[in-house]
Protein backbone atom coordinates (compact mmCIF):
# COMPACT_ATOMS: atom_id res chain seq x y z
CA MET A 1 -33.83 -89.72 -23.52
CA PRO A 2 -37.28 -90.75 -23.23
CA SER A 3 -38.35 -93.96 -25.24
CA PRO A 4 -40.48 -92.50 -28.39
CA ASN A 5 -43.69 -93.52 -26.35
CA THR A 6 -43.49 -91.91 -23.27
CA TRP A 7 -42.29 -88.40 -25.25
CA LEU A 8 -45.99 -88.45 -27.54
CA ASN A 9 -47.86 -89.10 -24.12
CA PHE A 10 -45.84 -86.33 -22.75
CA VAL A 11 -46.47 -84.00 -25.77
CA LEU A 12 -50.60 -85.02 -25.95
CA VAL A 13 -50.46 -84.15 -21.94
CA ALA A 14 -48.75 -81.11 -22.44
CA LEU A 15 -50.51 -79.79 -25.38
CA VAL A 16 -54.06 -80.41 -23.23
CA VAL A 17 -52.44 -78.02 -20.28
CA SER A 18 -51.70 -75.76 -22.23
CA LEU A 19 -55.06 -75.51 -24.13
CA VAL A 20 -56.39 -75.19 -20.87
CA PRO A 21 -57.51 -71.85 -20.20
CA GLY A 22 -55.55 -70.77 -17.36
CA PRO A 23 -54.15 -67.81 -15.45
CA ALA A 24 -51.06 -68.20 -18.67
CA PHE A 25 -54.62 -68.26 -21.15
CA ILE A 26 -56.20 -65.33 -20.49
CA VAL A 27 -52.75 -63.13 -20.04
CA VAL A 28 -51.79 -64.06 -23.11
CA LEU A 29 -55.25 -63.66 -24.67
CA THR A 30 -55.75 -60.32 -23.79
CA THR A 31 -52.39 -59.05 -24.44
CA ALA A 32 -53.02 -59.93 -27.71
CA LEU A 33 -56.75 -58.35 -28.08
CA ARG A 34 -55.48 -55.30 -26.25
CA ARG A 35 -51.87 -54.81 -28.12
CA GLY A 36 -51.57 -56.96 -30.58
CA PHE A 37 -48.75 -59.68 -31.62
CA LYS A 38 -45.74 -58.26 -30.27
CA PRO A 39 -46.94 -57.86 -27.19
CA GLY A 40 -48.94 -61.20 -27.76
CA ALA A 41 -45.38 -62.85 -28.35
CA TYR A 42 -43.80 -60.64 -25.03
CA ALA A 43 -46.32 -62.31 -22.94
CA THR A 44 -46.18 -65.84 -24.26
CA ALA A 45 -42.26 -65.60 -23.72
CA GLY A 46 -42.90 -64.59 -20.10
CA ILE A 47 -45.11 -67.74 -19.78
CA VAL A 48 -42.57 -69.90 -21.28
CA ILE A 49 -39.51 -68.88 -19.26
CA GLY A 50 -41.82 -69.04 -16.02
CA ASP A 51 -42.44 -72.71 -17.26
CA GLY A 52 -38.25 -73.11 -17.31
CA VAL A 53 -38.37 -71.47 -13.82
CA TYR A 54 -40.43 -74.53 -12.40
CA PHE A 55 -39.16 -76.90 -14.42
CA PHE A 56 -35.77 -76.06 -13.09
CA LEU A 57 -37.39 -76.67 -9.04
CA THR A 58 -38.91 -79.48 -9.74
CA ALA A 59 -35.69 -80.60 -11.47
CA VAL A 60 -33.70 -80.22 -8.10
CA GLY A 61 -36.47 -81.44 -5.76
CA LEU A 62 -38.32 -77.79 -4.94
CA GLY A 63 -41.82 -78.85 -5.93
CA SER A 64 -41.21 -81.71 -2.98
CA LEU A 65 -40.23 -79.32 -0.65
CA LEU A 66 -43.17 -76.48 -1.81
CA ALA A 67 -46.25 -79.47 -1.21
CA SER A 68 -44.13 -80.64 2.10
CA SER A 69 -45.07 -76.61 3.64
CA PHE A 70 -48.08 -75.19 3.65
CA TRP A 71 -47.29 -71.75 4.86
CA THR A 72 -44.88 -71.38 2.10
CA PHE A 73 -47.28 -72.73 -0.46
CA THR A 74 -49.93 -70.49 1.01
CA ILE A 75 -47.97 -67.56 0.80
CA ILE A 76 -46.74 -67.57 -2.35
CA LYS A 77 -50.49 -68.73 -3.56
CA TRP A 78 -52.13 -66.14 -2.16
CA LEU A 79 -49.80 -63.70 -3.41
CA GLY A 80 -50.75 -64.49 -6.92
CA ILE A 81 -53.92 -64.51 -6.35
CA VAL A 82 -53.85 -60.03 -5.19
CA TYR A 83 -51.77 -59.74 -7.97
CA LEU A 84 -54.22 -61.88 -10.30
CA VAL A 85 -56.95 -59.45 -8.49
CA TYR A 86 -55.45 -56.26 -8.72
CA LEU A 87 -55.16 -56.84 -12.52
CA GLY A 88 -58.66 -57.79 -12.96
CA LEU A 89 -59.83 -54.69 -11.01
CA ARG A 90 -57.65 -52.85 -12.86
CA SER A 91 -59.39 -53.82 -16.18
CA LEU A 92 -62.46 -53.80 -15.06
CA PHE A 93 -63.20 -50.16 -13.42
CA PHE A 94 -60.48 -48.45 -15.01
CA PRO A 95 -60.56 -49.65 -19.22
CA SER A 96 -58.43 -48.75 -21.97
CA ASN A 97 -60.03 -46.54 -24.36
CA SER A 98 -58.52 -47.86 -27.25
CA LEU A 99 -56.81 -50.88 -27.91
CA ILE A 100 -55.00 -49.47 -30.84
CA THR A 101 -51.85 -49.18 -29.09
CA ALA A 102 -47.95 -49.08 -30.84
CA ASP A 103 -47.70 -53.19 -31.45
CA GLY A 104 -43.64 -52.18 -31.76
CA ASN A 105 -42.70 -50.04 -28.50
CA SER A 106 -40.35 -51.77 -26.17
CA VAL A 107 -41.91 -50.44 -23.16
CA SER A 108 -45.06 -52.01 -24.06
CA GLY A 109 -42.92 -55.28 -25.22
CA ARG A 110 -41.63 -55.18 -21.60
CA SER A 111 -44.73 -54.71 -19.58
CA SER A 112 -46.39 -57.71 -21.23
CA PHE A 113 -43.06 -59.80 -20.95
CA VAL A 114 -42.92 -59.15 -17.28
CA THR A 115 -46.61 -59.20 -16.19
CA ALA A 116 -46.72 -62.98 -18.19
CA LEU A 117 -43.55 -63.97 -15.83
CA THR A 118 -44.83 -62.71 -12.61
CA VAL A 119 -48.40 -64.02 -13.40
CA GLN A 120 -46.62 -67.45 -14.35
CA LEU A 121 -44.50 -67.39 -11.27
CA ALA A 122 -47.26 -66.29 -8.79
CA ASN A 123 -48.66 -69.89 -9.69
CA PRO A 124 -47.09 -72.25 -7.45
CA LYS A 125 -49.70 -75.14 -8.37
CA LEU A 126 -48.03 -75.73 -11.54
CA LEU A 127 -44.84 -75.80 -9.60
CA LEU A 128 -46.73 -79.28 -8.01
CA PHE A 129 -48.70 -80.04 -10.77
CA LEU A 130 -45.54 -80.91 -12.32
CA ALA A 131 -43.44 -82.51 -9.47
CA ALA A 132 -46.44 -84.78 -9.76
CA LEU A 133 -46.49 -85.02 -13.79
CA VAL A 134 -42.68 -85.09 -14.33
CA PRO A 135 -42.35 -88.62 -12.15
CA GLN A 136 -44.73 -89.88 -14.14
CA PHE A 137 -42.96 -89.84 -17.74
CA LEU A 138 -38.85 -90.79 -16.19
CA ASP A 139 -37.12 -94.16 -16.67
CA PRO A 140 -35.53 -94.44 -13.16
CA THR A 141 -32.76 -96.48 -14.70
CA HIS A 142 -31.73 -94.50 -17.02
CA PRO A 143 -29.77 -90.49 -16.51
CA LEU A 144 -32.37 -88.48 -15.37
CA ALA A 145 -31.33 -84.65 -16.42
CA SER A 146 -31.34 -85.86 -20.37
CA GLN A 147 -34.37 -86.81 -19.40
CA LEU A 148 -35.73 -83.77 -17.78
CA ALA A 149 -34.30 -81.00 -20.84
CA VAL A 150 -36.35 -83.51 -22.88
CA LEU A 151 -39.51 -83.28 -21.16
CA GLY A 152 -39.31 -79.70 -20.01
CA GLY A 153 -37.91 -77.97 -23.34
CA THR A 154 -40.75 -80.04 -24.59
CA PHE A 155 -43.84 -78.38 -22.61
CA MET A 156 -41.83 -74.71 -23.03
CA VAL A 157 -42.09 -75.45 -26.99
CA SER A 158 -46.20 -76.62 -26.39
CA ASP A 159 -46.77 -73.35 -24.57
CA THR A 160 -44.79 -71.97 -27.24
CA ILE A 161 -46.58 -72.81 -30.10
CA ILE A 162 -50.49 -72.59 -28.47
CA TYR A 163 -49.70 -68.98 -27.12
CA LEU A 164 -48.24 -67.82 -30.00
CA LEU A 165 -51.34 -69.29 -32.19
CA LEU A 166 -53.65 -67.64 -29.56
CA SER A 167 -51.69 -64.28 -29.97
CA MET A 168 -52.43 -64.27 -33.52
CA VAL A 169 -55.46 -65.48 -33.56
CA ALA A 170 -56.27 -63.07 -31.02
CA ALA A 171 -53.99 -60.25 -32.95
CA HIS A 172 -56.12 -60.45 -36.21
CA ALA A 173 -59.17 -60.03 -33.91
CA ARG A 174 -58.41 -56.51 -32.90
CA PRO A 175 -60.06 -54.42 -35.89
CA LEU A 176 -63.47 -56.19 -34.54
CA PHE A 177 -62.74 -54.27 -31.66
CA ALA A 178 -61.19 -50.64 -32.28
CA SER A 179 -64.47 -48.74 -31.44
CA ARG A 180 -63.76 -47.35 -27.55
CA ARG A 181 -67.26 -48.74 -26.66
CA ALA A 182 -65.81 -52.26 -27.88
CA THR A 183 -62.43 -51.54 -26.41
CA ARG A 184 -63.96 -51.35 -22.83
CA ILE A 185 -66.44 -54.40 -23.69
CA VAL A 186 -63.47 -56.31 -23.87
CA SER A 187 -61.17 -54.19 -21.12
CA ARG A 188 -64.03 -55.00 -18.62
CA VAL A 189 -64.81 -58.83 -19.88
CA SER A 190 -60.70 -58.70 -19.36
CA GLY A 191 -61.58 -57.98 -15.84
CA VAL A 192 -63.80 -60.73 -15.06
CA ALA A 193 -61.68 -63.29 -16.53
CA MET A 194 -58.71 -62.32 -14.39
CA LEU A 195 -61.37 -62.46 -11.47
CA GLY A 196 -62.42 -66.04 -12.32
CA ALA A 197 -58.99 -66.84 -12.94
CA ALA A 198 -58.19 -65.55 -9.08
CA ALA A 199 -61.28 -67.69 -7.72
CA ARG A 200 -60.38 -71.01 -9.90
CA VAL A 201 -56.56 -70.76 -8.34
CA ALA A 202 -58.37 -69.75 -4.72
CA THR A 203 -60.54 -72.38 -4.48
CA LYS A 204 -58.42 -74.87 -5.40
């Protein structure tokens, strides 16, 4: 197990990473604004499952492999950028007429989950980031599996807490955007944010 000081330092890093507005943050925020808290929670679940996948890949060393394979990294990166651009253009040019949809609708939930999971998995820089970050908090003199499990769980819990709180705040703000005009503004701002996230991924 990581020492208490090591774990607390990792908690702080994980919270900062969760709070940085990136593709995952934007997806959860716009989902909760447009559909409500439950779809926002589904989107959060998609992000957290993506975290788990990337932590597993980090644990088996695929992060280093991806870092050494320029073409693999580039292909995954640009597939993610294309998907973000698609989401951004769809929101920008085909805005919804209403933010008020059925919060408990299973289709809405599944769609929110799949979109968030796809966005998270289409960002290979997170895998590289974890591959560079996690070893700094490991003690090679102790079993690595338990340390990785604790750090991975901590990272996933951090994203869960931050994004559920974000979904809650955004869901409570929905009445402010109930008019058709406000809805279109939110949708178009979301589109611009998605395009901005795509540009950010492309230029880093």
